[in-house]
């Protein structure tokens, strides 16, 4: 059995800290029928970002790495382990708050990366802080984030919760403003299914 001193010697806390994403709930100002934590949300965003890249590559002649997009998406909200989930209306209510929150996020990112061994830090910095050449890929991850929010609104509406109707409307407008063909294709081909029951989705169990 390890002594207490041995447990903390030369150990790195990054992944144990990441496991705490499941304790951070989203939509904290809303009346939820089911809470969504950022761990669940990040998985959804990763799957959608991966799909958007494939749509871009296969239908629009692009050349974007779906696996890298998925990996970035998995960590896109990890700083909220430190900062908490600040509701969007507050986060973007003024330039001053946006700048302050961006600075806090950057510092949180650096703190998280510092919990990795030196030989891993550079690789995870690319996932958490990102690189400028990933501009289109990052745009797809942000679009996937908005699509995940839309899906949450649809799921809440489907079970009769009207709390998310305005959020749904605002998210749809935000997605339309993106003017991204990958997003339009995903919304046309996949989003309508979220309004259906399991039986209506023709799944036999």
C-alpha atoms as a PDB file:
ATOM      1  CA  UNK A   1       0.000   0.000   0.000  1.00  0.00           C
ATOM      2  CA  UNK A   2       1.333   3.426  -0.980  1.00  0.00           C
ATOM      3  CA  UNK A   3       2.175   5.898   1.743  1.00  0.00           C
ATOM      4  CA  UNK A   4       0.500   9.309   1.556  1.00  0.00           C
ATOM      5  CA  UNK A   5       3.837  10.934   0.621  1.00  0.00           C
ATOM      6  CA  UNK A   6       4.322   8.463  -2.244  1.00  0.00           C
ATOM      7  CA  UNK A   7       0.865   9.147  -3.659  1.00  0.00           C
ATOM      8  CA  UNK A   8       1.718  12.806  -4.236  1.00  0.00           C
ATOM      9  CA  UNK A   9       5.310  12.356  -5.457  1.00  0.00           C
ATOM     10  CA  UNK A  10       5.857  13.010  -9.172  1.00  0.00           C
ATOM     11  CA  UNK A  11       2.153  12.684  -9.926  1.00  0.00           C
ATOM     12  CA  UNK A  12       0.236  14.819 -12.394  1.00  0.00           C
ATOM     13  CA  UNK A  13      -3.341  15.892 -11.776  1.00  0.00           C
ATOM     14  CA  UNK A  14      -4.517  16.860 -15.285  1.00  0.00           C
ATOM     15  CA  UNK A  15      -6.823  13.936 -16.010  1.00  0.00           C
ATOM     16  CA  UNK A  16      -8.207  13.766 -12.490  1.00  0.00           C
ATOM     17  CA  UNK A  17      -9.057  17.461 -12.839  1.00  0.00           C
ATOM     18  CA  UNK A  18     -10.642  16.828 -16.276  1.00  0.00           C
ATOM     19  CA  UNK A  19     -12.862  14.178 -14.705  1.00  0.00           C
ATOM     20  CA  UNK A  20     -14.499  16.973 -12.698  1.00  0.00           C
ATOM     21  CA  UNK A  21     -16.196  18.352 -15.820  1.00  0.00           C
ATOM     22  CA  UNK A  22     -19.121  16.125 -14.922  1.00  0.00           C
ATOM     23  CA  UNK A  23     -19.780  18.303 -11.863  1.00  0.00           C
ATOM     24  CA  UNK A  24     -20.220  21.557 -13.848  1.00  0.00           C
ATOM     25  CA  UNK A  25     -23.805  22.010 -15.049  1.00  0.00           C
ATOM     26  CA  UNK A  26     -24.748  24.149 -18.032  1.00  0.00           C
ATOM     27  CA  UNK A  27     -27.807  26.405 -18.413  1.00  0.00           C
ATOM     28  CA  UNK A  28     -27.626  27.353 -14.752  1.00  0.00           C
ATOM     29  CA  UNK A  29     -30.158  30.198 -15.064  1.00  0.00           C
ATOM     30  CA  UNK A  30     -32.723  27.994 -16.833  1.00  0.00           C
ATOM     31  CA  UNK A  31     -35.382  25.638 -15.493  1.00  0.00           C
ATOM     32  CA  UNK A  32     -34.096  22.301 -16.830  1.00  0.00           C
ATOM     33  CA  UNK A  33     -36.076  19.071 -16.990  1.00  0.00           C
ATOM     34  CA  UNK A  34     -32.673  17.345 -17.066  1.00  0.00           C
ATOM     35  CA  UNK A  35     -29.355  18.989 -16.226  1.00  0.00           C
ATOM     36  CA  UNK A  36     -26.545  18.779 -18.771  1.00  0.00           C
ATOM     37  CA  UNK A  37     -22.973  18.838 -17.498  1.00  0.00           C
ATOM     38  CA  UNK A  38     -20.004  20.044 -19.533  1.00  0.00           C
ATOM     39  CA  UNK A  39     -18.601  16.529 -19.831  1.00  0.00           C
ATOM     40  CA  UNK A  40     -21.740  15.391 -21.673  1.00  0.00           C
ATOM     41  CA  UNK A  41     -21.840  18.604 -23.656  1.00  0.00           C
ATOM     42  CA  UNK A  42     -18.208  18.267 -24.742  1.00  0.00           C
ATOM     43  CA  UNK A  43     -18.818  14.757 -26.061  1.00  0.00           C
ATOM     44  CA  UNK A  44     -21.782  16.009 -28.100  1.00  0.00           C
ATOM     45  CA  UNK A  45     -19.760  18.920 -29.480  1.00  0.00           C
ATOM     46  CA  UNK A  46     -16.893  16.559 -30.366  1.00  0.00           C
ATOM     47  CA  UNK A  47     -19.206  14.237 -32.313  1.00  0.00           C
ATOM     48  CA  UNK A  48     -20.840  17.129 -34.182  1.00  0.00           C
ATOM     49  CA  UNK A  49     -17.514  18.870 -34.927  1.00  0.00           C
ATOM     50  CA  UNK A  50     -16.176  15.578 -36.292  1.00  0.00           C
ATOM     51  CA  UNK A  51     -19.268  15.264 -38.495  1.00  0.00           C
ATOM     52  CA  UNK A  52     -19.022  18.854 -39.748  1.00  0.00           C
ATOM     53  CA  UNK A  53     -15.432  18.231 -40.844  1.00  0.00           C
ATOM     54  CA  UNK A  54     -16.459  15.082 -42.712  1.00  0.00           C
ATOM     55  CA  UNK A  55     -19.277  16.988 -44.405  1.00  0.00           C
ATOM     56  CA  UNK A  56     -16.774  19.685 -45.365  1.00  0.00           C
ATOM     57  CA  UNK A  57     -14.308  17.129 -46.761  1.00  0.00           C
ATOM     58  CA  UNK A  58     -16.745  14.828 -48.550  1.00  0.00           C
ATOM     59  CA  UNK A  59     -19.335  17.273 -49.870  1.00  0.00           C
ATOM     60  CA  UNK A  60     -17.570  20.632 -50.044  1.00  0.00           C
ATOM     61  CA  UNK A  61     -14.092  19.644 -51.221  1.00  0.00           C
ATOM     62  CA  UNK A  62     -12.346  20.555 -47.977  1.00  0.00           C
ATOM     63  CA  UNK A  63      -9.357  19.061 -46.232  1.00  0.00           C
ATOM     64  CA  UNK A  64      -9.909  19.423 -42.480  1.00  0.00           C
ATOM     65  CA  UNK A  65      -8.784  16.912 -39.855  1.00  0.00           C
ATOM     66  CA  UNK A  66     -11.959  15.538 -38.170  1.00  0.00           C
ATOM     67  CA  UNK A  67     -10.011  13.824 -35.404  1.00  0.00           C
ATOM     68  CA  UNK A  68      -8.232  17.046 -34.426  1.00  0.00           C
ATOM     69  CA  UNK A  69     -11.551  18.904 -34.405  1.00  0.00           C
ATOM     70  CA  UNK A  70     -13.041  16.249 -32.136  1.00  0.00           C
ATOM     71  CA  UNK A  71     -10.071  16.414 -29.760  1.00  0.00           C
ATOM     72  CA  UNK A  72     -10.262  20.226 -29.530  1.00  0.00           C
ATOM     73  CA  UNK A  73     -14.005  19.986 -28.925  1.00  0.00           C
ATOM     74  CA  UNK A  74     -13.493  17.544 -26.046  1.00  0.00           C
ATOM     75  CA  UNK A  75     -11.477  20.204 -24.212  1.00  0.00           C
ATOM     76  CA  UNK A  76     -13.261  23.352 -25.448  1.00  0.00           C
ATOM     77  CA  UNK A  77     -14.984  24.033 -22.102  1.00  0.00           C
ATOM     78  CA  UNK A  78     -12.403  22.506 -19.756  1.00  0.00           C
ATOM     79  CA  UNK A  79     -11.448  25.890 -18.257  1.00  0.00           C
ATOM     80  CA  UNK A  80     -14.911  25.976 -16.691  1.00  0.00           C
ATOM     81  CA  UNK A  81     -13.593  23.507 -14.127  1.00  0.00           C
ATOM     82  CA  UNK A  82     -11.814  26.562 -12.715  1.00  0.00           C
ATOM     83  CA  UNK A  83     -14.059  29.424 -13.846  1.00  0.00           C
ATOM     84  CA  UNK A  84     -17.459  27.745 -13.629  1.00  0.00           C
ATOM     85  CA  UNK A  85     -20.040  28.098 -16.396  1.00  0.00           C
ATOM     86  CA  UNK A  86     -20.771  31.796 -16.699  1.00  0.00           C
ATOM     87  CA  UNK A  87     -24.191  32.214 -18.362  1.00  0.00           C
ATOM     88  CA  UNK A  88     -23.922  33.536 -21.937  1.00  0.00           C
ATOM     89  CA  UNK A  89     -26.096  36.644 -21.372  1.00  0.00           C
ATOM     90  CA  UNK A  90     -23.682  37.740 -18.640  1.00  0.00           C
ATOM     91  CA  UNK A  91     -20.478  36.695 -20.417  1.00  0.00           C
ATOM     92  CA  UNK A  92     -21.279  38.756 -23.520  1.00  0.00           C
ATOM     93  CA  UNK A  93     -23.162  41.638 -21.918  1.00  0.00           C
ATOM     94  CA  UNK A  94     -20.291  44.114 -22.379  1.00  0.00           C
ATOM     95  CA  UNK A  95     -16.841  44.413 -23.956  1.00  0.00           C
ATOM     96  CA  UNK A  96     -15.339  44.806 -20.505  1.00  0.00           C
ATOM     97  CA  UNK A  97     -16.801  41.519 -19.270  1.00  0.00           C
ATOM     98  CA  UNK A  98     -15.851  39.707 -22.494  1.00  0.00           C
ATOM     99  CA  UNK A  99     -12.252  40.885 -22.170  1.00  0.00           C
ATOM    100  CA  UNK A 100     -12.096  40.050 -18.466  1.00  0.00           C
ATOM    101  CA  UNK A 101     -13.520  36.570 -19.033  1.00  0.00           C
ATOM    102  CA  UNK A 102     -11.116  35.927 -21.933  1.00  0.00           C
ATOM    103  CA  UNK A 103      -8.198  36.827 -19.664  1.00  0.00           C
ATOM    104  CA  UNK A 104      -9.522  34.523 -16.940  1.00  0.00           C
ATOM    105  CA  UNK A 105      -9.960  31.685 -19.452  1.00  0.00           C
ATOM    106  CA  UNK A 106      -6.384  32.106 -20.701  1.00  0.00           C
ATOM    107  CA  UNK A 107      -5.007  31.970 -17.171  1.00  0.00           C
ATOM    108  CA  UNK A 108      -7.178  28.933 -16.386  1.00  0.00           C
ATOM    109  CA  UNK A 109      -5.895  27.208 -19.543  1.00  0.00           C
ATOM    110  CA  UNK A 110      -2.299  27.798 -18.497  1.00  0.00           C
ATOM    111  CA  UNK A 111      -3.012  26.462 -15.003  1.00  0.00           C
ATOM    112  CA  UNK A 112      -4.552  23.281 -16.418  1.00  0.00           C
ATOM    113  CA  UNK A 113      -1.686  22.692 -18.852  1.00  0.00           C
ATOM    114  CA  UNK A 114       0.803  23.121 -16.001  1.00  0.00           C
ATOM    115  CA  UNK A 115      -0.678  20.008 -14.335  1.00  0.00           C
ATOM    116  CA  UNK A 116       0.766  17.851 -17.138  1.00  0.00           C
ATOM    117  CA  UNK A 117       4.333  16.554 -17.356  1.00  0.00           C
ATOM    118  CA  UNK A 118       6.633  18.747 -19.448  1.00  0.00           C
ATOM    119  CA  UNK A 119       6.774  16.317 -22.378  1.00  0.00           C
ATOM    120  CA  UNK A 120       2.947  16.482 -22.817  1.00  0.00           C
ATOM    121  CA  UNK A 121       2.334  20.187 -22.306  1.00  0.00           C
ATOM    122  CA  UNK A 122       3.054  21.322 -25.855  1.00  0.00           C
ATOM    123  CA  UNK A 123       0.574  18.843 -27.362  1.00  0.00           C
ATOM    124  CA  UNK A 124      -2.241  19.759 -24.983  1.00  0.00           C
ATOM    125  CA  UNK A 125      -1.549  23.450 -25.392  1.00  0.00           C
ATOM    126  CA  UNK A 126      -2.441  22.945 -29.074  1.00  0.00           C
ATOM    127  CA  UNK A 127      -5.796  21.470 -28.014  1.00  0.00           C
ATOM    128  CA  UNK A 128      -6.697  23.928 -25.269  1.00  0.00           C
ATOM    129  CA  UNK A 129      -5.153  27.226 -26.408  1.00  0.00           C
ATOM    130  CA  UNK A 130      -5.124  26.394 -30.165  1.00  0.00           C
ATOM    131  CA  UNK A 131      -3.120  27.597 -33.143  1.00  0.00           C
ATOM    132  CA  UNK A 132      -3.950  30.406 -35.550  1.00  0.00           C
ATOM    133  CA  UNK A 133      -3.751  28.131 -38.608  1.00  0.00           C
ATOM    134  CA  UNK A 134      -6.738  26.175 -37.267  1.00  0.00           C
ATOM    135  CA  UNK A 135      -9.116  29.064 -38.023  1.00  0.00           C
ATOM    136  CA  UNK A 136     -11.652  27.132 -40.142  1.00  0.00           C
ATOM    137  CA  UNK A 137     -11.439  24.074 -37.899  1.00  0.00           C
ATOM    138  CA  UNK A 138     -12.072  26.215 -34.814  1.00  0.00           C
ATOM    139  CA  UNK A 139     -15.022  27.852 -36.580  1.00  0.00           C
ATOM    140  CA  UNK A 140     -16.515  24.392 -37.074  1.00  0.00           C
ATOM    141  CA  UNK A 141     -15.992  23.557 -33.385  1.00  0.00           C
ATOM    142  CA  UNK A 142     -17.779  26.787 -32.417  1.00  0.00           C
ATOM    143  CA  UNK A 143     -20.588  25.917 -34.824  1.00  0.00           C
ATOM    144  CA  UNK A 144     -20.820  22.457 -33.238  1.00  0.00           C
ATOM    145  CA  UNK A 145     -21.079  24.161 -29.837  1.00  0.00           C
ATOM    146  CA  UNK A 146     -24.055  26.193 -31.070  1.00  0.00           C
ATOM    147  CA  UNK A 147     -25.652  23.100 -32.624  1.00  0.00           C
ATOM    148  CA  UNK A 148     -25.316  21.306 -29.293  1.00  0.00           C
ATOM    149  CA  UNK A 149     -27.125  24.237 -27.631  1.00  0.00           C
ATOM    150  CA  UNK A 150     -29.884  24.027 -30.250  1.00  0.00           C
ATOM    151  CA  UNK A 151     -30.262  20.311 -29.630  1.00  0.00           C
ATOM    152  CA  UNK A 152     -30.602  20.916 -25.874  1.00  0.00           C
ATOM    153  CA  UNK A 153     -33.367  23.459 -26.579  1.00  0.00           C
ATOM    154  CA  UNK A 154     -35.164  21.012 -28.884  1.00  0.00           C
ATOM    155  CA  UNK A 155     -34.959  18.216 -26.321  1.00  0.00           C
ATOM    156  CA  UNK A 156     -36.377  20.443 -23.588  1.00  0.00           C
ATOM    157  CA  UNK A 157     -39.167  21.653 -25.881  1.00  0.00           C
ATOM    158  CA  UNK A 158     -40.027  18.074 -26.874  1.00  0.00           C
ATOM    159  CA  UNK A 159     -40.881  17.210 -23.260  1.00  0.00           C
ATOM    160  CA  UNK A 160     -43.017  20.309 -22.840  1.00  0.00           C
ATOM    161  CA  UNK A 161     -40.566  22.724 -21.241  1.00  0.00           C
ATOM    162  CA  UNK A 162     -41.209  26.203 -22.683  1.00  0.00           C
ATOM    163  CA  UNK A 163     -38.284  27.707 -20.761  1.00  0.00           C
ATOM    164  CA  UNK A 164     -35.967  27.144 -23.719  1.00  0.00           C
ATOM    165  CA  UNK A 165     -38.141  28.571 -26.525  1.00  0.00           C
ATOM    166  CA  UNK A 166     -36.405  31.955 -26.588  1.00  0.00           C
ATOM    167  CA  UNK A 167     -32.981  30.342 -26.342  1.00  0.00           C
ATOM    168  CA  UNK A 168     -33.903  28.109 -29.280  1.00  0.00           C
ATOM    169  CA  UNK A 169     -34.934  31.099 -31.372  1.00  0.00           C
ATOM    170  CA  UNK A 170     -31.747  33.004 -30.540  1.00  0.00           C
ATOM    171  CA  UNK A 171     -29.554  29.957 -31.235  1.00  0.00           C
ATOM    172  CA  UNK A 172     -31.210  29.391 -34.613  1.00  0.00           C
ATOM    173  CA  UNK A 173     -30.557  33.008 -35.539  1.00  0.00           C
ATOM    174  CA  UNK A 174     -26.958  32.668 -34.438  1.00  0.00           C
ATOM    175  CA  UNK A 175     -26.503  29.536 -36.571  1.00  0.00           C
ATOM    176  CA  UNK A 176     -28.059  31.223 -39.606  1.00  0.00           C
ATOM    177  CA  UNK A 177     -25.668  34.154 -39.250  1.00  0.00           C
ATOM    178  CA  UNK A 178     -22.724  31.763 -39.493  1.00  0.00           C
ATOM    179  CA  UNK A 179     -23.677  31.120 -43.132  1.00  0.00           C
ATOM    180  CA  UNK A 180     -21.742  27.825 -43.150  1.00  0.00           C
ATOM    181  CA  UNK A 181     -22.832  25.184 -45.641  1.00  0.00           C
ATOM    182  CA  UNK A 182     -21.619  22.371 -43.363  1.00  0.00           C
ATOM    183  CA  UNK A 183     -23.963  23.630 -40.667  1.00  0.00           C
ATOM    184  CA  UNK A 184     -26.872  23.939 -43.091  1.00  0.00           C
ATOM    185  CA  UNK A 185     -26.374  20.344 -44.246  1.00  0.00           C
ATOM    186  CA  UNK A 186     -26.162  19.037 -40.668  1.00  0.00           C
ATOM    187  CA  UNK A 187     -29.305  20.937 -39.696  1.00  0.00           C
ATOM    188  CA  UNK A 188     -31.183  19.631 -42.719  1.00  0.00           C
ATOM    189  CA  UNK A 189     -30.083  15.998 -42.438  1.00  0.00           C
ATOM    190  CA  UNK A 190     -29.689  15.368 -38.703  1.00  0.00           C
ATOM    191  CA  UNK A 191     -31.306  17.975 -36.450  1.00  0.00           C
ATOM    192  CA  UNK A 192     -34.983  17.109 -37.217  1.00  0.00           C
ATOM    193  CA  UNK A 193     -34.490  13.665 -35.654  1.00  0.00           C
ATOM    194  CA  UNK A 194     -33.988  15.218 -32.220  1.00  0.00           C
ATOM    195  CA  UNK A 195     -37.689  16.122 -32.173  1.00  0.00           C
ATOM    196  CA  UNK A 196     -38.703  12.471 -32.612  1.00  0.00           C
ATOM    197  CA  UNK A 197     -39.286   9.688 -30.130  1.00  0.00           C
ATOM    198  CA  UNK A 198     -37.142   6.532 -30.208  1.00  0.00           C
ATOM    199  CA  UNK A 199     -39.908   4.646 -32.047  1.00  0.00           C
ATOM    200  CA  UNK A 200     -40.184   7.429 -34.607  1.00  0.00           C
ATOM    201  CA  UNK A 201     -36.452   7.152 -35.220  1.00  0.00           C
ATOM    202  CA  UNK A 202     -37.068   3.553 -36.332  1.00  0.00           C
ATOM    203  CA  UNK A 203     -34.710   1.957 -33.831  1.00  0.00           C
ATOM    204  CA  UNK A 204     -35.529  -1.662 -32.973  1.00  0.00           C
ATOM    205  CA  UNK A 205     -34.236  -2.799 -29.603  1.00  0.00           C
END
